[in-house]
Amino acid sequence: MSTRSGTALNLSFAIVHCPNSYNLCVSTDFFDRLAAQLRANKNAACRRAIQRILDLVKKDYEAGGHSPTEAEREFRRLVENDEACK
């Protein structure tokens, strides 16, 4: 912990997965935040579907399948079209 003018600074760092792919060392935390938002006020079946879709989209993204914007759009589209979430 470092201090500046008597004020403590809390520094934290995320561990980032760095696969040998197009999206080198890119965090997928934004997917987790988006999934949490999409799960709000959904039934249990839809929440399970969102988790399943999240895992698939993360794997594809880490393999270099999409840019962050494309991956987010694909994630939202898959959730909207899933039978459990209609």
N, C-alpha and C. Protein backbone atom coordinates (compact mmCIF):
# COMPACT_ATOMS: atom_id res chain seq x y z
N MET A 1 0.85 -1.16 0.00
CA MET A 1 0.00 0.00 0.00
C MET A 1 0.90 1.23 0.00
N SER A 2 0.54 2.21 -0.76
CA SER A 2 1.31 3.44 -0.89
C SER A 2 0.51 4.59 -0.30
N THR A 3 1.20 5.58 0.21
CA THR A 3 0.49 6.75 0.73
C THR A 3 0.95 7.99 0.01
N ARG A 4 0.04 8.92 -0.14
CA ARG A 4 0.34 10.20 -0.76
C ARG A 4 -0.37 11.26 0.07
N SER A 5 0.37 12.17 0.63
CA SER A 5 -0.17 13.24 1.47
C SER A 5 -1.06 12.70 2.58
N GLY A 6 -0.65 11.58 3.18
CA GLY A 6 -1.40 11.04 4.29
C GLY A 6 -2.63 10.22 3.90
N THR A 7 -2.92 10.09 2.60
CA THR A 7 -4.07 9.33 2.14
C THR A 7 -3.59 7.97 1.61
N ALA A 8 -4.19 6.92 2.08
CA ALA A 8 -3.80 5.58 1.65
C ALA A 8 -4.41 5.29 0.28
N LEU A 9 -3.62 4.72 -0.60
CA LEU A 9 -4.08 4.30 -1.92
C LEU A 9 -4.20 2.79 -1.93
N ASN A 10 -5.32 2.30 -2.34
CA ASN A 10 -5.53 0.86 -2.42
C ASN A 10 -5.36 0.46 -3.89
N LEU A 11 -4.28 -0.25 -4.18
CA LEU A 11 -4.00 -0.67 -5.55
C LEU A 11 -4.32 -2.15 -5.70
N SER A 12 -5.08 -2.49 -6.74
CA SER A 12 -5.39 -3.89 -6.98
C SER A 12 -5.13 -4.20 -8.45
N PHE A 13 -4.80 -5.44 -8.71
CA PHE A 13 -4.48 -5.87 -10.06
C PHE A 13 -5.24 -7.14 -10.38
N ALA A 14 -5.70 -7.25 -11.61
CA ALA A 14 -6.42 -8.45 -12.05
C ALA A 14 -5.45 -9.40 -12.74
N ILE A 15 -5.65 -10.67 -12.51
CA ILE A 15 -4.88 -11.68 -13.24
C ILE A 15 -5.60 -11.90 -14.55
N VAL A 16 -4.87 -11.80 -15.64
CA VAL A 16 -5.47 -11.86 -16.96
C VAL A 16 -4.98 -13.10 -17.68
N HIS A 17 -5.90 -13.82 -18.28
CA HIS A 17 -5.57 -15.01 -19.08
C HIS A 17 -4.93 -14.55 -20.38
N CYS A 18 -3.78 -15.11 -20.72
CA CYS A 18 -3.06 -14.69 -21.92
C CYS A 18 -2.88 -15.87 -22.88
N PRO A 19 -3.92 -16.22 -23.60
CA PRO A 19 -3.79 -17.33 -24.55
C PRO A 19 -2.96 -16.91 -25.77
N ASN A 20 -2.49 -17.86 -26.49
CA ASN A 20 -1.76 -17.59 -27.72
C ASN A 20 -2.77 -17.40 -28.83
N SER A 21 -3.35 -16.20 -28.89
CA SER A 21 -4.42 -15.96 -29.85
C SER A 21 -4.42 -14.49 -30.26
N TYR A 22 -5.42 -14.13 -31.05
CA TYR A 22 -5.58 -12.75 -31.51
C TYR A 22 -5.77 -11.79 -30.34
N ASN A 23 -6.58 -12.17 -29.35
CA ASN A 23 -6.89 -11.31 -28.20
C ASN A 23 -5.89 -11.57 -27.07
N LEU A 24 -4.63 -11.26 -27.29
CA LEU A 24 -3.59 -11.53 -26.32
C LEU A 24 -3.81 -10.72 -25.05
N CYS A 25 -3.73 -11.39 -23.93
CA CYS A 25 -3.77 -10.76 -22.61
C CYS A 25 -4.94 -9.81 -22.44
N VAL A 26 -6.11 -10.18 -22.89
CA VAL A 26 -7.29 -9.35 -22.75
C VAL A 26 -8.18 -9.96 -21.67
N SER A 27 -8.62 -9.15 -20.75
CA SER A 27 -9.47 -9.62 -19.67
C SER A 27 -10.88 -9.90 -20.20
N THR A 28 -11.51 -10.90 -19.62
CA THR A 28 -12.89 -11.21 -19.99
C THR A 28 -13.85 -10.81 -18.87
N ASP A 29 -13.38 -9.96 -17.96
CA ASP A 29 -14.24 -9.51 -16.85
C ASP A 29 -15.50 -8.82 -17.33
N PHE A 30 -15.42 -8.15 -18.47
CA PHE A 30 -16.59 -7.42 -18.96
C PHE A 30 -17.73 -8.38 -19.28
N PHE A 31 -17.40 -9.62 -19.67
CA PHE A 31 -18.45 -10.62 -19.91
C PHE A 31 -19.18 -10.96 -18.61
N ASP A 32 -18.42 -11.11 -17.53
CA ASP A 32 -19.03 -11.43 -16.24
C ASP A 32 -19.97 -10.31 -15.78
N ARG A 33 -19.55 -9.06 -15.97
CA ARG A 33 -20.41 -7.93 -15.59
C ARG A 33 -21.67 -7.89 -16.45
N LEU A 34 -21.52 -8.13 -17.74
CA LEU A 34 -22.68 -8.14 -18.63
C LEU A 34 -23.63 -9.27 -18.26
N ALA A 35 -23.08 -10.44 -17.98
CA ALA A 35 -23.92 -11.58 -17.61
C ALA A 35 -24.70 -11.28 -16.33
N ALA A 36 -24.06 -10.63 -15.37
CA ALA A 36 -24.76 -10.28 -14.13
C ALA A 36 -25.92 -9.34 -14.41
N GLN A 37 -25.73 -8.39 -15.31
CA GLN A 37 -26.80 -7.47 -15.68
C GLN A 37 -27.94 -8.20 -16.39
N LEU A 38 -27.60 -9.12 -17.28
CA LEU A 38 -28.62 -9.84 -18.03
C LEU A 38 -29.40 -10.82 -17.16
N ARG A 39 -28.77 -11.33 -16.08
CA ARG A 39 -29.44 -12.28 -15.19
C ARG A 39 -30.49 -11.61 -14.30
N ALA A 40 -30.40 -10.30 -14.13
CA ALA A 40 -31.31 -9.59 -13.22
C ALA A 40 -32.76 -9.82 -13.62
N ASN A 41 -33.55 -10.19 -12.65
CA ASN A 41 -35.00 -10.40 -12.83
C ASN A 41 -35.35 -11.47 -13.86
N LYS A 42 -34.49 -12.46 -14.01
CA LYS A 42 -34.77 -13.59 -14.92
C LYS A 42 -35.09 -14.83 -14.12
N ASN A 43 -35.79 -15.77 -14.74
CA ASN A 43 -36.10 -17.02 -14.06
C ASN A 43 -34.85 -17.92 -14.03
N ALA A 44 -34.92 -18.98 -13.25
CA ALA A 44 -33.77 -19.86 -13.05
C ALA A 44 -33.28 -20.49 -14.36
N ALA A 45 -34.20 -20.90 -15.20
CA ALA A 45 -33.80 -21.52 -16.48
C ALA A 45 -33.04 -20.52 -17.35
N CYS A 46 -33.49 -19.29 -17.37
CA CYS A 46 -32.80 -18.27 -18.16
C CYS A 46 -31.42 -17.98 -17.57
N ARG A 47 -31.31 -17.91 -16.24
CA ARG A 47 -30.00 -17.66 -15.62
C ARG A 47 -29.02 -18.78 -15.94
N ARG A 48 -29.50 -20.03 -15.97
CA ARG A 48 -28.63 -21.15 -16.35
C ARG A 48 -28.22 -21.04 -17.81
N ALA A 49 -29.14 -20.64 -18.66
CA ALA A 49 -28.83 -20.47 -20.08
C ALA A 49 -27.79 -19.37 -20.27
N ILE A 50 -27.92 -18.29 -19.53
CA ILE A 50 -26.95 -17.19 -19.62
C ILE A 50 -25.57 -17.68 -19.22
N GLN A 51 -25.48 -18.49 -18.17
CA GLN A 51 -24.18 -19.03 -17.75
C GLN A 51 -23.59 -19.92 -18.83
N ARG A 52 -24.42 -20.76 -19.43
CA ARG A 52 -23.95 -21.65 -20.51
C ARG A 52 -23.45 -20.84 -21.70
N ILE A 53 -24.21 -19.82 -22.08
CA ILE A 53 -23.83 -18.96 -23.20
C ILE A 53 -22.57 -18.18 -22.87
N LEU A 54 -22.46 -17.71 -21.63
CA LEU A 54 -21.27 -16.97 -21.20
C LEU A 54 -20.02 -17.81 -21.40
N ASP A 55 -20.06 -19.07 -20.98
CA ASP A 55 -18.90 -19.94 -21.14
C ASP A 55 -18.52 -20.11 -22.61
N LEU A 56 -19.51 -20.29 -23.46
CA LEU A 56 -19.24 -20.46 -24.90
C LEU A 56 -18.64 -19.20 -25.52
N VAL A 57 -19.21 -18.06 -25.20
CA VAL A 57 -18.75 -16.80 -25.79
C VAL A 57 -17.34 -16.46 -25.29
N LYS A 58 -17.07 -16.72 -24.02
CA LYS A 58 -15.72 -16.46 -23.48
C LYS A 58 -14.68 -17.31 -24.21
N LYS A 59 -14.98 -18.59 -24.40
CA LYS A 59 -14.03 -19.48 -25.09
C LYS A 59 -13.78 -19.00 -26.51
N ASP A 60 -14.83 -18.63 -27.20
CA ASP A 60 -14.68 -18.13 -28.57
C ASP A 60 -13.88 -16.83 -28.60
N TYR A 61 -14.16 -15.95 -27.67
CA TYR A 61 -13.45 -14.67 -27.60
C TYR A 61 -11.96 -14.88 -27.31
N GLU A 62 -11.66 -15.74 -26.35
CA GLU A 62 -10.26 -16.01 -26.00
C GLU A 62 -9.51 -16.66 -27.14
N ALA A 63 -10.22 -17.38 -27.99
CA ALA A 63 -9.59 -18.02 -29.15
C ALA A 63 -9.41 -17.05 -30.32
N GLY A 64 -9.86 -15.81 -30.13
CA GLY A 64 -9.69 -14.81 -31.18
C GLY A 64 -10.83 -14.75 -32.16
N GLY A 65 -11.97 -15.33 -31.79
CA GLY A 65 -13.11 -15.39 -32.70
C GLY A 65 -13.80 -14.07 -32.95
N HIS A 66 -13.74 -13.14 -31.98
CA HIS A 66 -14.46 -11.88 -32.10
C HIS A 66 -13.68 -10.75 -31.44
N SER A 67 -13.97 -9.53 -31.87
CA SER A 67 -13.49 -8.36 -31.15
C SER A 67 -14.37 -8.20 -29.92
N PRO A 68 -14.01 -7.35 -28.94
CA PRO A 68 -14.87 -7.19 -27.76
C PRO A 68 -16.29 -6.74 -28.12
N THR A 69 -16.42 -5.83 -29.06
CA THR A 69 -17.75 -5.34 -29.45
C THR A 69 -18.57 -6.44 -30.12
N GLU A 70 -17.95 -7.18 -31.01
CA GLU A 70 -18.64 -8.27 -31.69
C GLU A 70 -19.04 -9.36 -30.70
N ALA A 71 -18.16 -9.65 -29.75
CA ALA A 71 -18.44 -10.69 -28.76
C ALA A 71 -19.61 -10.29 -27.87
N GLU A 72 -19.66 -9.02 -27.47
CA GLU A 72 -20.77 -8.55 -26.65
C GLU A 72 -22.08 -8.63 -27.42
N ARG A 73 -22.06 -8.21 -28.68
CA ARG A 73 -23.27 -8.26 -29.51
C ARG A 73 -23.74 -9.70 -29.68
N GLU A 74 -22.80 -10.62 -29.91
CA GLU A 74 -23.15 -12.03 -30.07
C GLU A 74 -23.72 -12.61 -28.78
N PHE A 75 -23.14 -12.25 -27.65
CA PHE A 75 -23.62 -12.71 -26.35
C PHE A 75 -25.06 -12.26 -26.13
N ARG A 76 -25.33 -10.97 -26.36
CA ARG A 76 -26.68 -10.44 -26.18
C ARG A 76 -27.68 -11.13 -27.13
N ARG A 77 -27.25 -11.35 -28.38
CA ARG A 77 -28.13 -11.98 -29.37
C ARG A 77 -28.47 -13.41 -28.96
N LEU A 78 -27.46 -14.15 -28.51
CA LEU A 78 -27.71 -15.54 -28.10
C LEU A 78 -28.65 -15.60 -26.89
N VAL A 79 -28.49 -14.69 -25.94
CA VAL A 79 -29.37 -14.68 -24.78
C VAL A 79 -30.80 -14.33 -25.21
N GLU A 80 -30.95 -13.31 -26.04
CA GLU A 80 -32.29 -12.90 -26.49
C GLU A 80 -33.02 -14.00 -27.25
N ASN A 81 -32.26 -14.80 -28.00
CA ASN A 81 -32.86 -15.85 -28.83
C ASN A 81 -33.01 -17.20 -28.13
N ASP A 82 -32.47 -17.32 -26.92
CA ASP A 82 -32.57 -18.58 -26.19
C ASP A 82 -34.00 -18.77 -25.71
N GLU A 83 -34.54 -19.97 -25.89
CA GLU A 83 -35.92 -20.29 -25.52
C GLU A 83 -36.21 -20.03 -24.04
N ALA A 84 -35.24 -20.31 -23.19
CA ALA A 84 -35.44 -20.16 -21.75
C ALA A 84 -35.58 -18.69 -21.33
N CYS A 85 -35.10 -17.78 -22.16
CA CYS A 85 -35.11 -16.36 -21.81
C CYS A 85 -36.19 -15.57 -22.52
N LYS A 86 -37.07 -16.24 -23.26
CA LYS A 86 -38.13 -15.52 -23.97
C LYS A 86 -39.32 -15.29 -23.09
